[in-house]
Amino acid sequence: MKNIVAFFICCWFAVAQDSEFLIHHTFEAGLSGWDTPNGARVRTAASEGQHSLVFDYDLSSGNLSFLGLETKKGIPGFARMRFRVKVDYDTSLIVGITEPKPALGRSAFVSVRGGVWEQFDLKLSDFGPSDNPADPLDVGLPVDLDRVQGFGISDVAYTFRNPANSMASLFGIEAPSGKHTLLLQDFQVLKGTAEPTKIGSVTVDRFDRGMLQWILFGKGHFTLMESSPLNEPAVEVVAKTEHMGQPVALYRRMTNFGLDGTDGIEFDVASADPSAIVVSLGVRTPEGMRNDLGTTPIPVIGGRTPAHIKLPYERFAAGKEIRIIPSAIVTLTIARVGLKAGENAFWIGNVQAFQNPPVKR
């Protein structure tokens, strides 16, 4: 449990078909080894015809609380993690894998709608290293499954939505507080076979997996759309701003991708009203994290008209005396800045890290 605690304080191989359970917890027989620190409460209860693990936690306490499960002998063969979860308010969760020092802890983000059961199916390749300053610049190190010590689930409100967090300050986020409840059902860890690492362009998100691995910063809400003004699956963000120029942003971790060899970021976008898009990268450097690598505002004409934005890494570094190493990219933020206050929708689809074709000599 100590190693899981250490991971969440710092935290903040693609796989083929699975073949068998390595862990399967239905919670009919009790807690199945799950526990929580810092005064939170964990119990089991029957809910809607199934047994659930019930996690009661208090965001006002100031103490980090999470669900933790220790694995005694590693988890060799781990390829996928599946579970159902329901939280009593809109938030995002950090799902973590812990490894002993000096190896890295890994995490994935998933977003949940309040009061709704959400089904998640995470691949091992969805888990990326944290942005702990002690981590190496090259974030593409493989997970040592023989040394995995456990799994954890925590509310991102303990970190990203803390008022002291720079993102919370920038986007005017009011820190959630009070007591909340998370229900967990049918937790599965499945075995599978690793696929070879792909070389070339990298798909960040086509929004076709039935889950959101982004965090929304700012006032509003977001939803997956199978059909969108982009004529492809997309995330729809409905911004509810109080004044002109107030940003609303999508944020995700990029450390689970092998970005080495890529040359930039591209995606599709549409907006109901005229607006501007600002795209930013968080990059680990020898001097520490750089979170100021953003583009100048990119106009979007509105009218739900699709547009394609393609940004070489050099554009993020313009005027900042830095050379971006793709393997050191930690985060991607896509922010929309409206030209008027009120409720405005925009759509993002098919986010890629592209690779330029070889130069012919």
Protein backbone atom coordinates (compact mmCIF):
# COMPACT_ATOMS: atom_id res chain seq x y z
CA MET A 1 0.00 0.00 0.00
CA LYS A 2 2.90 2.40 0.70
CA ASN A 3 4.06 2.11 -2.91
CA ILE A 4 0.56 2.89 -4.18
CA VAL A 5 0.39 5.95 -1.89
CA ALA A 6 3.76 7.16 -3.23
CA PHE A 7 2.56 6.74 -6.80
CA PHE A 8 -0.54 8.88 -6.39
CA ILE A 9 1.37 11.61 -4.59
CA CYS A 10 3.78 11.84 -7.56
CA CYS A 11 1.14 11.28 -10.18
CA TRP A 12 -0.11 13.16 -11.46
CA PHE A 13 3.04 -2.08 -26.04
CA ALA A 14 -0.25 -2.00 -27.74
CA VAL A 15 -1.98 -5.39 -27.16
CA ALA A 16 -3.91 -7.93 -29.13
CA GLN A 17 -6.89 -10.04 -28.06
CA ASP A 18 -7.07 -11.05 -24.41
CA SER A 19 -7.42 -14.73 -23.57
CA GLU A 20 -8.01 -15.14 -19.81
CA PHE A 21 -8.53 -13.42 -16.50
CA LEU A 22 -5.53 -12.60 -14.37
CA ILE A 23 -7.79 -10.85 -11.83
CA HIS A 24 -11.59 -10.86 -11.74
CA HIS A 25 -13.39 -9.21 -8.82
CA THR A 26 -17.20 -9.24 -8.68
CA PHE A 27 -17.18 -8.25 -4.97
CA GLU A 28 -19.77 -10.89 -4.07
CA ALA A 29 -17.33 -12.32 -1.50
CA GLY A 30 -16.17 -9.00 -0.02
CA LEU A 31 -13.45 -6.43 -0.67
CA SER A 32 -11.18 -8.86 -2.57
CA GLY A 33 -8.05 -7.13 -1.19
CA TRP A 34 -9.01 -3.53 -2.03
CA ASP A 35 -8.22 -0.91 0.59
CA THR A 36 -7.96 2.87 1.05
CA PRO A 37 -5.78 5.16 3.22
CA ASN A 38 -6.34 8.46 5.00
CA GLY A 39 -9.67 7.92 6.65
CA ALA A 40 -11.77 7.19 3.56
CA ARG A 41 -14.23 4.31 3.72
CA VAL A 42 -14.47 1.24 1.50
CA ARG A 43 -17.21 -1.40 1.71
CA THR A 44 -19.33 -3.64 -0.49
CA ALA A 45 -23.02 -3.38 -1.25
CA ALA A 46 -25.59 -4.77 -3.65
CA SER A 47 -26.45 -2.20 -6.31
CA GLU A 48 -28.86 -2.60 -9.21
CA GLY A 49 -28.66 -6.38 -9.21
CA GLN A 50 -24.85 -6.57 -8.87
CA HIS A 51 -22.37 -6.29 -6.04
CA SER A 52 -20.27 -3.13 -5.95
CA LEU A 53 -17.21 -1.90 -4.14
CA VAL A 54 -18.31 1.37 -2.52
CA PHE A 55 -15.67 4.05 -1.94
CA ASP A 56 -16.70 7.04 0.20
CA TYR A 57 -14.21 9.92 0.23
CA ASP A 58 -14.11 13.55 1.33
CA LEU A 59 -12.45 16.10 -0.95
CA SER A 60 -12.64 18.72 1.80
CA SER A 61 -10.32 16.80 4.10
CA GLY A 62 -7.17 17.73 2.20
CA ASN A 63 -5.89 14.15 2.48
CA LEU A 64 -5.37 12.13 -0.69
CA SER A 65 -7.72 9.14 -0.80
CA PHE A 66 -7.92 6.41 -3.40
CA LEU A 67 -8.81 2.78 -3.94
CA GLY A 68 -5.75 0.51 -3.94
CA LEU A 69 -5.16 -3.16 -4.76
CA GLU A 70 -1.80 -4.82 -4.13
CA THR A 71 -0.45 -7.60 -6.34
CA LYS A 72 1.96 -9.91 -4.55
CA LYS A 73 3.89 -11.39 -7.50
CA GLY A 74 3.65 -8.87 -10.29
CA ILE A 75 1.13 -9.28 -13.07
CA PRO A 76 2.95 -10.95 -16.00
CA GLY A 77 0.89 -11.10 -19.16
CA PHE A 78 -1.28 -8.08 -18.24
CA ALA A 79 -2.79 -6.66 -21.43
CA ARG A 80 -6.17 -5.07 -20.59
CA MET A 81 -8.11 -3.72 -17.63
CA ARG A 82 -11.91 -3.59 -17.65
CA PHE A 83 -14.33 -2.24 -15.05
CA ARG A 84 -17.61 -0.41 -14.52
CA VAL A 85 -17.71 2.71 -12.38
CA LYS A 86 -20.22 5.30 -11.22
CA VAL A 87 -19.39 8.53 -9.37
CA ASP A 88 -21.97 10.89 -7.92
CA TYR A 89 -20.75 13.96 -9.87
CA ASP A 90 -18.98 14.81 -13.15
CA THR A 91 -15.25 14.26 -12.76
CA SER A 92 -12.25 12.37 -14.13
CA LEU A 93 -10.35 9.49 -12.55
CA ILE A 94 -6.68 8.54 -12.46
CA VAL A 95 -6.22 4.80 -12.91
CA GLY A 96 -2.71 3.79 -11.88
CA ILE A 97 -0.22 0.95 -12.10
CA THR A 98 2.57 1.01 -9.51
CA GLU A 99 6.10 -0.31 -9.92
CA PRO A 100 8.86 -0.25 -7.28
CA LYS A 101 11.52 2.44 -7.40
CA PRO A 102 13.52 3.22 -9.45
CA ALA A 103 10.97 2.07 -12.04
CA LEU A 104 8.06 4.27 -13.05
CA GLY A 105 4.46 4.41 -11.99
CA ARG A 106 1.98 4.57 -14.86
CA SER A 107 -1.43 6.20 -15.12
CA ALA A 108 -4.39 6.65 -17.44
CA PHE A 109 -7.19 9.21 -17.24
CA VAL A 110 -10.86 8.44 -17.76
CA SER A 111 -13.76 10.90 -17.52
CA VAL A 112 -17.09 10.02 -15.92
CA ARG A 113 -20.53 11.62 -15.97
CA GLY A 114 -22.15 12.05 -12.60
CA GLY A 115 -24.66 9.39 -11.60
CA VAL A 116 -24.11 7.27 -14.75
CA TRP A 117 -22.54 3.82 -14.99
CA GLU A 118 -19.51 3.99 -17.29
CA GLN A 119 -17.76 0.96 -18.82
CA PHE A 120 -14.00 1.26 -19.39
CA ASP A 121 -11.70 -1.02 -21.36
CA LEU A 122 -8.10 0.14 -20.98
CA LYS A 123 -5.16 -1.34 -22.84
CA LEU A 124 -1.72 -1.54 -21.28
CA SER A 125 -0.69 1.00 -23.92
CA ASP A 126 -3.14 3.52 -22.40
CA PHE A 127 -0.96 3.81 -19.28
CA GLY A 128 1.86 6.35 -19.44
CA PRO A 129 4.52 7.51 -16.97
CA SER A 130 3.69 10.37 -14.64
CA ASP A 131 5.23 13.84 -14.90
CA ASN A 132 7.29 13.32 -11.77
CA PRO A 133 10.45 15.46 -12.16
CA ALA A 134 12.53 12.41 -11.18
CA ASP A 135 11.36 10.50 -14.26
CA PRO A 136 13.77 10.30 -17.22
CA LEU A 137 13.35 12.56 -20.26
CA ASP A 138 12.50 9.61 -22.50
CA VAL A 139 9.05 8.58 -21.29
CA GLY A 140 8.78 5.55 -23.58
CA LEU A 141 10.25 2.99 -21.20
CA PRO A 142 8.32 -0.34 -21.11
CA VAL A 143 6.38 -1.53 -18.10
CA ASP A 144 8.09 -4.35 -16.17
CA LEU A 145 5.02 -6.52 -15.53
CA ASP A 146 6.94 -8.86 -13.22
CA ARG A 147 7.50 -5.91 -10.86
CA VAL A 148 4.01 -4.38 -10.86
CA GLN A 149 2.98 -3.94 -7.24
CA GLY A 150 -0.60 -2.85 -7.53
CA PHE A 151 -3.39 -0.80 -9.03
CA GLY A 152 -5.12 2.36 -7.84
CA ILE A 153 -8.10 4.56 -8.69
CA SER A 154 -8.37 8.18 -7.55
CA ASP A 155 -10.40 11.32 -8.28
CA VAL A 156 -8.39 13.93 -10.22
CA ALA A 157 -9.94 16.63 -8.03
CA TYR A 158 -7.13 15.99 -5.53
CA THR A 159 -4.58 17.32 -8.02
CA PHE A 160 -5.74 19.00 -11.22
CA ARG A 161 -8.70 20.79 -9.66
CA ASN A 162 -6.86 22.06 -6.61
CA PRO A 163 -7.02 25.90 -6.51
CA ALA A 164 -3.21 25.99 -6.21
CA ASN A 165 -2.89 24.20 -9.57
CA SER A 166 -1.93 26.52 -12.43
CA MET A 167 -4.47 24.96 -14.79
CA ALA A 168 -7.25 25.49 -12.25
CA SER A 169 -6.27 29.14 -11.92
CA LEU A 170 -6.04 29.73 -15.69
CA PHE A 171 -9.45 28.24 -16.45
CA GLY A 172 -11.28 29.55 -13.39
CA ILE A 173 -12.04 26.09 -12.00
CA GLU A 174 -13.81 25.97 -8.67
CA ALA A 175 -12.25 23.14 -6.67
CA PRO A 176 -14.80 20.40 -5.89
CA SER A 177 -15.34 19.78 -2.19
CA GLY A 178 -17.46 17.72 0.13
CA LYS A 179 -18.17 14.02 0.40
CA HIS A 180 -18.49 11.82 -2.68
CA THR A 181 -19.08 8.17 -3.52
CA LEU A 182 -17.55 5.97 -6.21
CA LEU A 183 -19.03 2.56 -7.07
CA LEU A 184 -16.81 -0.05 -8.76
CA GLN A 185 -18.11 -3.23 -10.41
CA ASP A 186 -16.72 -6.23 -12.29
CA PHE A 187 -13.02 -5.31 -12.12
CA GLN A 188 -11.03 -7.42 -14.60
CA VAL A 189 -7.36 -7.69 -15.50
CA LEU A 190 -6.90 -9.81 -18.61
CA LYS A 191 -4.00 -11.56 -20.23
CA GLY A 192 -2.99 -10.95 -23.84
CA THR A 193 -0.18 -10.82 -26.36
CA ALA A 194 1.78 -7.66 -27.10
CA GLU A 195 1.88 -6.28 -30.63
CA PRO A 196 5.08 -4.81 -32.08
CA THR A 197 5.54 -1.06 -31.62
CA LYS A 198 4.37 0.87 -34.67
CA ILE A 199 6.68 3.33 -36.39
CA GLY A 200 5.39 6.52 -38.01
CA SER A 201 2.32 8.64 -37.34
CA VAL A 202 0.55 8.01 -34.01
CA THR A 203 -3.20 8.07 -33.41
CA VAL A 204 -3.80 10.04 -30.23
CA ASP A 205 -7.60 9.74 -30.29
CA ARG A 206 -10.23 9.00 -32.93
CA PHE A 207 -12.93 9.17 -30.26
CA ASP A 208 -14.26 5.77 -31.32
CA ARG A 209 -13.56 3.69 -28.18
CA GLY A 210 -16.63 4.66 -26.19
CA MET A 211 -14.70 6.50 -23.47
CA LEU A 212 -13.01 9.84 -22.93
CA GLN A 213 -9.38 9.95 -21.80
CA TRP A 214 -9.27 13.75 -21.68
CA ILE A 215 -9.87 16.16 -18.80
CA LEU A 216 -12.07 19.20 -19.36
CA PHE A 217 -10.75 22.46 -17.93
CA GLY A 218 -13.12 25.39 -17.71
CA LYS A 219 -16.87 25.83 -17.39
CA GLY A 220 -18.95 23.44 -19.48
CA HIS A 221 -19.32 19.75 -20.29
CA PHE A 222 -18.20 17.31 -22.97
CA THR A 223 -19.70 14.27 -24.68
CA LEU A 224 -18.60 11.65 -27.20
CA MET A 225 -20.39 11.90 -30.55
CA GLU A 226 -20.57 9.06 -33.07
CA SER A 227 -21.87 11.55 -35.62
CA SER A 228 -20.65 15.15 -35.63
CA PRO A 229 -20.24 18.21 -37.87
CA LEU A 230 -16.79 16.78 -38.66
CA ASN A 231 -18.41 13.76 -40.37
CA GLU A 232 -16.51 11.46 -38.01
CA PRO A 233 -16.59 10.49 -34.32
CA ALA A 234 -15.64 13.46 -32.17
CA VAL A 235 -15.82 14.97 -28.72
CA GLU A 236 -18.40 17.74 -28.40
CA VAL A 237 -17.52 20.42 -25.86
CA VAL A 238 -20.25 22.81 -24.75
CA ALA A 239 -18.52 25.81 -23.19
CA LYS A 240 -20.43 27.98 -20.76
CA THR A 241 -18.33 31.10 -20.43
CA GLU A 242 -19.05 34.25 -18.44
CA HIS A 243 -17.03 36.71 -20.53
CA MET A 244 -15.45 37.06 -23.95
CA GLY A 245 -12.05 35.36 -24.25
CA GLN A 246 -12.59 32.93 -21.37
CA PRO A 247 -10.91 29.64 -22.40
CA VAL A 248 -12.27 26.09 -22.16
CA ALA A 249 -9.78 23.31 -22.86
CA LEU A 250 -9.31 19.60 -23.43
CA TYR A 251 -6.22 18.21 -21.71
CA ARG A 252 -4.64 14.77 -21.94
CA ARG A 253 -1.43 13.01 -21.05
CA MET A 254 0.75 11.91 -24.00
CA THR A 255 3.34 9.75 -22.26
CA ASN A 256 1.68 6.47 -23.28
CA PHE A 257 2.50 7.07 -26.95
CA GLY A 258 5.75 6.38 -28.74
CA LEU A 259 6.12 9.86 -30.24
CA ASP A 260 9.76 9.54 -31.24
CA GLY A 261 10.00 10.21 -34.98
CA THR A 262 6.80 12.26 -35.18
CA ASP A 263 6.89 15.84 -36.47
CA GLY A 264 3.79 17.57 -35.11
CA ILE A 265 0.13 17.47 -34.04
CA GLU A 266 -2.94 17.59 -36.29
CA PHE A 267 -6.70 17.33 -35.73
CA ASP A 268 -10.11 18.28 -37.09
CA VAL A 269 -12.18 21.05 -35.52
CA ALA A 270 -15.50 22.82 -35.93
CA SER A 271 -17.24 25.51 -33.88
CA ALA A 272 -20.82 26.69 -33.72
CA ASP A 273 -19.67 30.31 -33.43
CA PRO A 274 -16.53 32.11 -34.61
CA SER A 275 -13.71 31.45 -32.15
CA ALA A 276 -10.00 30.71 -31.88
CA ILE A 277 -8.05 27.59 -30.96
CA VAL A 278 -4.82 27.62 -28.95
CA VAL A 279 -2.83 24.37 -28.77
CA SER A 280 -0.16 23.78 -26.11
CA LEU A 281 2.38 21.08 -25.30
CA GLY A 282 3.90 20.23 -21.93
CA VAL A 283 7.46 19.03 -22.48
CA ARG A 284 10.00 17.62 -20.05
CA THR A 285 13.44 19.25 -20.37
CA PRO A 286 16.70 18.90 -18.40
CA GLU A 287 15.70 22.08 -16.55
CA GLY A 288 12.21 20.79 -15.69
CA MET A 289 8.72 20.88 -17.22
CA ARG A 290 7.91 23.52 -19.84
CA ASN A 291 4.17 24.23 -19.98
CA ASP A 292 4.42 27.50 -21.93
CA LEU A 293 4.80 25.98 -25.41
CA GLY A 294 1.59 27.21 -27.00
CA THR A 295 0.62 28.43 -30.45
CA THR A 296 -0.76 31.84 -31.25
CA PRO A 297 -4.59 31.82 -31.60
CA ILE A 298 -5.80 29.98 -34.72
CA PRO A 299 -9.11 31.38 -36.12
CA VAL A 300 -12.07 29.00 -36.58
CA ILE A 301 -14.83 30.48 -38.72
CA GLY A 302 -17.86 29.01 -36.96
CA GLY A 303 -21.09 27.80 -38.54
CA ARG A 304 -20.15 24.19 -37.66
CA THR A 305 -17.82 24.22 -40.70
CA PRO A 306 -15.10 21.53 -40.46
CA ALA A 307 -11.46 22.63 -40.55
CA HIS A 308 -8.17 20.77 -40.29
CA ILE A 309 -5.31 22.10 -38.17
CA LYS A 310 -1.76 20.80 -38.69
CA LEU A 311 0.99 22.09 -36.42
CA PRO A 312 4.67 21.11 -36.71
CA TYR A 313 6.51 21.00 -33.39
CA GLU A 314 8.59 23.99 -34.49
CA ARG A 315 5.49 26.15 -34.24
CA PHE A 316 5.17 25.41 -30.52
CA ALA A 317 8.81 26.35 -29.95
CA ALA A 318 8.76 29.61 -31.93
CA GLY A 319 10.58 32.35 -30.03
CA LYS A 320 11.20 30.15 -26.98
CA GLU A 321 14.77 28.90 -27.61
CA ILE A 322 13.88 25.25 -27.24
CA ARG A 323 14.04 22.23 -29.50
CA ILE A 324 11.13 19.90 -28.79
CA ILE A 325 12.13 16.25 -28.42
CA PRO A 326 9.00 14.24 -29.33
CA SER A 327 9.74 11.46 -26.83
CA ALA A 328 9.77 14.08 -24.02
CA ILE A 329 6.25 15.41 -24.74
CA VAL A 330 4.10 14.90 -21.63
CA THR A 331 0.79 16.70 -22.23
CA LEU A 332 -1.41 18.11 -24.99
CA THR A 333 -3.96 20.89 -24.41
CA ILE A 334 -6.47 22.10 -27.02
CA ALA A 335 -8.17 25.28 -25.81
CA ARG A 336 -11.04 27.14 -27.42
CA VAL A 337 -11.34 30.90 -26.86
CA GLY A 338 -14.75 32.34 -27.68
CA LEU A 339 -15.45 35.78 -29.09
CA LYS A 340 -18.54 36.16 -26.92
CA ALA A 341 -19.83 34.95 -23.57
CA GLY A 342 -22.55 32.35 -23.12
CA GLU A 343 -23.08 28.76 -24.27
CA ASN A 344 -21.03 27.77 -27.32
CA ALA A 345 -20.24 24.33 -28.76
CA PHE A 346 -17.15 23.08 -30.55
CA TRP A 347 -16.00 19.68 -31.80
CA ILE A 348 -12.56 18.01 -31.95
CA GLY A 349 -11.86 14.83 -33.93
CA ASN A 350 -9.11 12.54 -35.21
CA VAL A 351 -6.17 13.82 -33.16
CA GLN A 352 -2.86 12.55 -34.58
CA ALA A 353 0.87 12.99 -34.06
CA PHE A 354 1.94 13.06 -37.69
CA GLN A 355 5.18 12.08 -39.37
CA ASN A 356 6.37 13.94 -42.44
CA PRO A 357 7.20 11.81 -45.50
CA PRO A 358 10.92 11.24 -46.07
CA VAL A 359 12.68 13.95 -48.05
CA LYS A 360 13.65 12.65 -51.49
CA ARG A 361 17.29 13.27 -52.37
